Amino acid sequence: MAKAPAKTVTVEQYASPIRRPKDQRATLIGLKLNKIGRRSTLPDNPSTRGMIAKVAHMVRIVEE
């Protein structure tokens, strides 16, 4: 039996982490983002969605 393809979500950073709390900066690094304009494709699971929600004011979900 073939496995269903894993769902992914692509996020892009559009705001700077300057003057933000350290935990939000660490969350961006955990999402593999650290510069404005960078995109990262990650597995779509509850932990990733929680990280995105924590820094929602700095990232956007990209529809491809």
PDB file of N, CA and C in Angstrom:
ATOM      1  N   MET A   1       0.828  -1.172   0.000  1.00  0.00           N
ATOM      2  CA  MET A   1       0.000   0.000   0.000  1.00  0.00           C
ATOM      3  C   MET A   1       0.883   1.250   0.000  1.00  0.00           C
ATOM      4  N   ALA A   2       0.485   2.204  -0.784  1.00  0.00           N
ATOM      5  CA  ALA A   2       1.229   3.452  -0.857  1.00  0.00           C
ATOM      6  C   ALA A   2       0.780   4.386   0.257  1.00  0.00           C
ATOM      7  N   LYS A   3       1.761   5.070   0.832  1.00  0.00           N
ATOM      8  CA  LYS A   3       1.451   6.047   1.863  1.00  0.00           C
ATOM      9  C   LYS A   3       0.949   7.329   1.220  1.00  0.00           C
ATOM     10  N   ALA A   4       0.050   8.007   1.897  1.00  0.00           N
ATOM     11  CA  ALA A   4      -0.407   9.306   1.418  1.00  0.00           C
ATOM     12  C   ALA A   4       0.737  10.310   1.602  1.00  0.00           C
ATOM     13  N   PRO A   5       0.900  11.238   0.679  1.00  0.00           N
ATOM     14  CA  PRO A   5       1.989  12.210   0.839  1.00  0.00           C
ATOM     15  C   PRO A   5       1.784  13.056   2.093  1.00  0.00           C
ATOM     16  N   ALA A   6       2.881  13.329   2.771  1.00  0.00           N
ATOM     17  CA  ALA A   6       2.813  14.120   3.998  1.00  0.00           C
ATOM     18  C   ALA A   6       2.409  15.555   3.665  1.00  0.00           C
ATOM     19  N   LYS A   7       1.527  16.112   4.465  1.00  0.00           N
ATOM     20  CA  LYS A   7       1.102  17.489   4.245  1.00  0.00           C
ATOM     21  C   LYS A   7       2.185  18.432   4.748  1.00  0.00           C
ATOM     22  N   THR A   8       2.368  19.495   4.004  1.00  0.00           N
ATOM     23  CA  THR A   8       3.363  20.486   4.383  1.00  0.00           C
ATOM     24  C   THR A   8       2.736  21.871   4.353  1.00  0.00           C
ATOM     25  N   VAL A   9       3.400  22.790   5.025  1.00  0.00           N
ATOM     26  CA  VAL A   9       2.994  24.189   5.029  1.00  0.00           C
ATOM     27  C   VAL A   9       4.248  25.021   4.769  1.00  0.00           C
ATOM     28  N   THR A  10       4.111  26.028   3.909  1.00  0.00           N
ATOM     29  CA  THR A  10       5.227  26.913   3.606  1.00  0.00           C
ATOM     30  C   THR A  10       4.976  28.260   4.275  1.00  0.00           C
ATOM     31  N   VAL A  11       5.965  28.717   5.038  1.00  0.00           N
ATOM     32  CA  VAL A  11       5.853  29.999   5.719  1.00  0.00           C
ATOM     33  C   VAL A  11       6.961  30.925   5.241  1.00  0.00           C
ATOM     34  N   GLU A  12       6.654  32.220   5.248  1.00  0.00           N
ATOM     35  CA  GLU A  12       7.619  33.241   4.833  1.00  0.00           C
ATOM     36  C   GLU A  12       7.692  34.303   5.917  1.00  0.00           C
ATOM     37  N   GLN A  13       8.899  34.710   6.247  1.00  0.00           N
ATOM     38  CA  GLN A  13       9.079  35.772   7.239  1.00  0.00           C
ATOM     39  C   GLN A  13       8.995  37.115   6.532  1.00  0.00           C
ATOM     40  N   TYR A  14       8.171  38.022   7.061  1.00  0.00           N
ATOM     41  CA  TYR A  14       8.046  39.342   6.451  1.00  0.00           C
ATOM     42  C   TYR A  14       8.325  40.477   7.429  1.00  0.00           C
ATOM     43  N   ALA A  15       8.627  40.184   8.671  1.00  0.00           N
ATOM     44  CA  ALA A  15       8.917  41.219   9.659  1.00  0.00           C
ATOM     45  C   ALA A  15      10.178  40.845  10.436  1.00  0.00           C
ATOM     46  N   SER A  16      10.789  41.852  11.000  1.00  0.00           N
ATOM     47  CA  SER A  16      12.049  41.675  11.709  1.00  0.00           C
ATOM     48  C   SER A  16      11.823  41.246  13.163  1.00  0.00           C
ATOM     49  N   PRO A  17      12.727  40.409  13.692  1.00  0.00           N
ATOM     50  CA  PRO A  17      12.636  40.034  15.105  1.00  0.00           C
ATOM     51  C   PRO A  17      13.318  41.030  16.041  1.00  0.00           C
ATOM     52  N   ILE A  18      13.773  42.166  15.507  1.00  0.00           N
ATOM     53  CA  ILE A  18      14.414  43.171  16.348  1.00  0.00           C
ATOM     54  C   ILE A  18      13.381  43.715  17.344  1.00  0.00           C
ATOM     55  N   ARG A  19      13.796  43.876  18.586  1.00  0.00           N
ATOM     56  CA  ARG A  19      12.946  44.356  19.687  1.00  0.00           C
ATOM     57  C   ARG A  19      11.788  43.404  19.998  1.00  0.00           C
ATOM     58  N   ARG A  20      12.001  42.125  19.769  1.00  0.00           N
ATOM     59  CA  ARG A  20      11.017  41.097  20.120  1.00  0.00           C
ATOM     60  C   ARG A  20      11.608  40.243  21.242  1.00  0.00           C
ATOM     61  N   PRO A  21      10.768  39.571  22.006  1.00  0.00           N
ATOM     62  CA  PRO A  21      11.281  38.700  23.072  1.00  0.00           C
ATOM     63  C   PRO A  21      12.139  37.557  22.519  1.00  0.00           C
ATOM     64  N   LYS A  22      13.056  37.088  23.351  1.00  0.00           N
ATOM     65  CA  LYS A  22      13.978  36.030  22.935  1.00  0.00           C
ATOM     66  C   LYS A  22      13.250  34.757  22.527  1.00  0.00           C
ATOM     67  N   ASP A  23      12.131  34.451  23.173  1.00  0.00           N
ATOM     68  CA  ASP A  23      11.430  33.216  22.820  1.00  0.00           C
ATOM     69  C   ASP A  23      10.836  33.303  21.412  1.00  0.00           C
ATOM     70  N   GLN A  24      10.442  34.502  20.983  1.00  0.00           N
ATOM     71  CA  GLN A  24       9.933  34.639  19.615  1.00  0.00           C
ATOM     72  C   GLN A  24      11.067  34.513  18.605  1.00  0.00           C
ATOM     73  N   ARG A  25      12.232  35.046  18.922  1.00  0.00           N
ATOM     74  CA  ARG A  25      13.392  34.883  18.039  1.00  0.00           C
ATOM     75  C   ARG A  25      13.756  33.405  17.921  1.00  0.00           C
ATOM     76  N   ALA A  26      13.723  32.699  19.038  1.00  0.00           N
ATOM     77  CA  ALA A  26      14.043  31.275  19.028  1.00  0.00           C
ATOM     78  C   ALA A  26      13.014  30.484  18.226  1.00  0.00           C
ATOM     79  N   THR A  27      11.760  30.908  18.277  1.00  0.00           N
ATOM     80  CA  THR A  27      10.715  30.239  17.502  1.00  0.00           C
ATOM     81  C   THR A  27      10.966  30.419  16.013  1.00  0.00           C
ATOM     82  N   LEU A  28      11.397  31.604  15.603  1.00  0.00           N
ATOM     83  CA  LEU A  28      11.728  31.818  14.188  1.00  0.00           C
ATOM     84  C   LEU A  28      12.866  30.907  13.751  1.00  0.00           C
ATOM     85  N   ILE A  29      13.865  30.753  14.588  1.00  0.00           N
ATOM     86  CA  ILE A  29      14.972  29.859  14.258  1.00  0.00           C
ATOM     87  C   ILE A  29      14.476  28.421  14.182  1.00  0.00           C
ATOM     88  N   GLY A  30      13.554  28.044  15.069  1.00  0.00           N
ATOM     89  CA  GLY A  30      12.966  26.708  15.036  1.00  0.00           C
ATOM     90  C   GLY A  30      12.164  26.460  13.772  1.00  0.00           C
ATOM     91  N   LEU A  31      11.615  27.538  13.207  1.00  0.00           N
ATOM     92  CA  LEU A  31      10.879  27.430  11.939  1.00  0.00           C
ATOM     93  C   LEU A  31      11.819  27.534  10.729  1.00  0.00           C
ATOM     94  N   LYS A  32      13.126  27.591  10.980  1.00  0.00           N
ATOM     95  CA  LYS A  32      14.151  27.715   9.940  1.00  0.00           C
ATOM     96  C   LYS A  32      14.046  29.043   9.203  1.00  0.00           C
ATOM     97  N   LEU A  33      13.695  30.085   9.946  1.00  0.00           N
ATOM     98  CA  LEU A  33      13.625  31.438   9.402  1.00  0.00           C
ATOM     99  C   LEU A  33      14.518  32.328  10.252  1.00  0.00           C
ATOM    100  N   ASN A  34      15.225  33.251   9.630  1.00  0.00           N
ATOM    101  CA  ASN A  34      15.994  34.214  10.408  1.00  0.00           C
ATOM    102  C   ASN A  34      16.260  35.499   9.647  1.00  0.00           C
ATOM    103  N   LYS A  35      15.774  35.613   8.428  1.00  0.00           N
ATOM    104  CA  LYS A  35      15.921  36.840   7.654  1.00  0.00           C
ATOM    105  C   LYS A  35      14.613  37.119   6.931  1.00  0.00           C
ATOM    106  N   ILE A  36      14.324  38.391   6.737  1.00  0.00           N
ATOM    107  CA  ILE A  36      13.104  38.780   6.040  1.00  0.00           C
ATOM    108  C   ILE A  36      13.151  38.252   4.609  1.00  0.00           C
ATOM    109  N   GLY A  37      12.047  37.653   4.175  1.00  0.00           N
ATOM    110  CA  GLY A  37      11.952  37.117   2.822  1.00  0.00           C
ATOM    111  C   GLY A  37      12.260  35.637   2.707  1.00  0.00           C
ATOM    112  N   ARG A  38      12.792  35.049   3.767  1.00  0.00           N
ATOM    113  CA  ARG A  38      13.098  33.614   3.715  1.00  0.00           C
ATOM    114  C   ARG A  38      11.819  32.804   3.773  1.00  0.00           C
ATOM    115  N   ARG A  39      11.825  31.672   3.070  1.00  0.00           N
ATOM    116  CA  ARG A  39      10.689  30.749   3.100  1.00  0.00           C
ATOM    117  C   ARG A  39      11.172  29.404   3.603  1.00  0.00           C
ATOM    118  N   SER A  40      10.273  28.708   4.267  1.00  0.00           N
ATOM    119  CA  SER A  40      10.594  27.397   4.804  1.00  0.00           C
ATOM    120  C   SER A  40       9.379  26.492   4.643  1.00  0.00           C
ATOM    121  N   THR A  41       9.604  25.283   4.155  1.00  0.00           N
ATOM    122  CA  THR A  41       8.539  24.297   4.026  1.00  0.00           C
ATOM    123  C   THR A  41       8.682  23.302   5.168  1.00  0.00           C
ATOM    124  N   LEU A  42       7.627  23.174   5.957  1.00  0.00           N
ATOM    125  CA  LEU A  42       7.657  22.370   7.176  1.00  0.00           C
ATOM    126  C   LEU A  42       6.486  21.405   7.191  1.00  0.00           C
ATOM    127  N   PRO A  43       6.562  20.326   7.983  1.00  0.00           N
ATOM    128  CA  PRO A  43       5.414  19.425   8.095  1.00  0.00           C
ATOM    129  C   PRO A  43       4.239  20.128   8.766  1.00  0.00           C
ATOM    130  N   ASP A  44       3.055  19.844   8.272  1.00  0.00           N
ATOM    131  CA  ASP A  44       1.853  20.475   8.816  1.00  0.00           C
ATOM    132  C   ASP A  44       1.315  19.618   9.955  1.00  0.00           C
ATOM    133  N   ASN A  45       1.761  19.944  11.188  1.00  0.00           N
ATOM    134  CA  ASN A  45       1.306  19.218  12.371  1.00  0.00           C
ATOM    135  C   ASN A  45       1.008  20.227  13.482  1.00  0.00           C
ATOM    136  N   PRO A  46       0.390  19.802  14.555  1.00  0.00           N
ATOM    137  CA  PRO A  46       0.004  20.744  15.613  1.00  0.00           C
ATOM    138  C   PRO A  46       1.173  21.531  16.213  1.00  0.00           C
ATOM    139  N   SER A  47       2.337  20.925  16.335  1.00  0.00           N
ATOM    140  CA  SER A  47       3.457  21.654  16.933  1.00  0.00           C
ATOM    141  C   SER A  47       3.943  22.766  16.011  1.00  0.00           C
ATOM    142  N   THR A  48       3.990  22.501  14.713  1.00  0.00           N
ATOM    143  CA  THR A  48       4.383  23.532  13.761  1.00  0.00           C
ATOM    144  C   THR A  48       3.352  24.649  13.723  1.00  0.00           C
ATOM    145  N   ARG A  49       2.079  24.292  13.737  1.00  0.00           N
ATOM    146  CA  ARG A  49       1.021  25.302  13.735  1.00  0.00           C
ATOM    147  C   ARG A  49       1.082  26.174  14.992  1.00  0.00           C
ATOM    148  N   GLY A  50       1.439  25.582  16.123  1.00  0.00           N
ATOM    149  CA  GLY A  50       1.579  26.353  17.350  1.00  0.00           C
ATOM    150  C   GLY A  50       2.732  27.340  17.274  1.00  0.00           C
ATOM    151  N   MET A  51       3.828  26.920  16.664  1.00  0.00           N
ATOM    152  CA  MET A  51       4.969  27.818  16.488  1.00  0.00           C
ATOM    153  C   MET A  51       4.602  28.971  15.556  1.00  0.00           C
ATOM    154  N   ILE A  52       3.869  28.667  14.488  1.00  0.00           N
ATOM    155  CA  ILE A  52       3.439  29.709  13.558  1.00  0.00           C
ATOM    156  C   ILE A  52       2.514  30.694  14.269  1.00  0.00           C
ATOM    157  N   ALA A  53       1.617  30.191  15.105  1.00  0.00           N
ATOM    158  CA  ALA A  53       0.688  31.058  15.830  1.00  0.00           C
ATOM    159  C   ALA A  53       1.433  31.984  16.793  1.00  0.00           C
ATOM    160  N   LYS A  54       2.534  31.510  17.360  1.00  0.00           N
ATOM    161  CA  LYS A  54       3.285  32.315  18.315  1.00  0.00           C
ATOM    162  C   LYS A  54       3.944  33.520  17.655  1.00  0.00           C
ATOM    163  N   VAL A  55       4.339  33.382  16.394  1.00  0.00           N
ATOM    164  CA  VAL A  55       4.996  34.481  15.683  1.00  0.00           C
ATOM    165  C   VAL A  55       4.184  34.902  14.455  1.00  0.00           C
ATOM    166  N   ALA A  56       2.866  34.816  14.568  1.00  0.00           N
ATOM    167  CA  ALA A  56       1.981  35.108  13.430  1.00  0.00           C
ATOM    168  C   ALA A  56       2.110  36.550  12.952  1.00  0.00           C
ATOM    169  N   HIS A  57       2.568  37.440  13.819  1.00  0.00           N
ATOM    170  CA  HIS A  57       2.738  38.840  13.436  1.00  0.00           C
ATOM    171  C   HIS A  57       4.016  39.068  12.628  1.00  0.00           C
ATOM    172  N   MET A  58       4.846  38.029  12.465  1.00  0.00           N
ATOM    173  CA  MET A  58       6.088  38.158  11.700  1.00  0.00           C
ATOM    174  C   MET A  58       6.161  37.233  10.492  1.00  0.00           C
ATOM    175  N   VAL A  59       5.253  36.264  10.394  1.00  0.00           N
ATOM    176  CA  VAL A  59       5.291  35.311   9.290  1.00  0.00           C
ATOM    177  C   VAL A  59       3.928  35.229   8.619  1.00  0.00           C
ATOM    178  N   ARG A  60       3.932  34.743   7.390  1.00  0.00           N
ATOM    179  CA  ARG A  60       2.680  34.483   6.686  1.00  0.00           C
ATOM    180  C   ARG A  60       2.779  33.112   6.047  1.00  0.00           C
ATOM    181  N   ILE A  61       1.640  32.465   5.883  1.00  0.00           N
ATOM    182  CA  ILE A  61       1.576  31.173   5.202  1.00  0.00           C
ATOM    183  C   ILE A  61       1.460  31.454   3.713  1.00  0.00           C
ATOM    184  N   VAL A  62       2.309  30.798   2.937  1.00  0.00           N
ATOM    185  CA  VAL A  62       2.357  31.002   1.490  1.00  0.00           C
ATOM    186  C   VAL A  62       1.560  29.892   0.816  1.00  0.00           C
ATOM    187  N   GLU A  63       0.635  30.293  -0.025  1.00  0.00           N
ATOM    188  CA  GLU A  63      -0.142  29.326  -0.808  1.00  0.00           C
ATOM    189  C   GLU A  63       0.589  29.116  -2.133  1.00  0.00           C
ATOM    190  N   GLU A  64       0.918  27.871  -2.433  1.00  0.00           N
ATOM    191  CA  GLU A  64       1.632  27.592  -3.681  1.00  0.00           C
ATOM    192  C   GLU A  64       0.830  26.680  -4.563  1.00  0.00           C
TER     193      GLU A  64
END
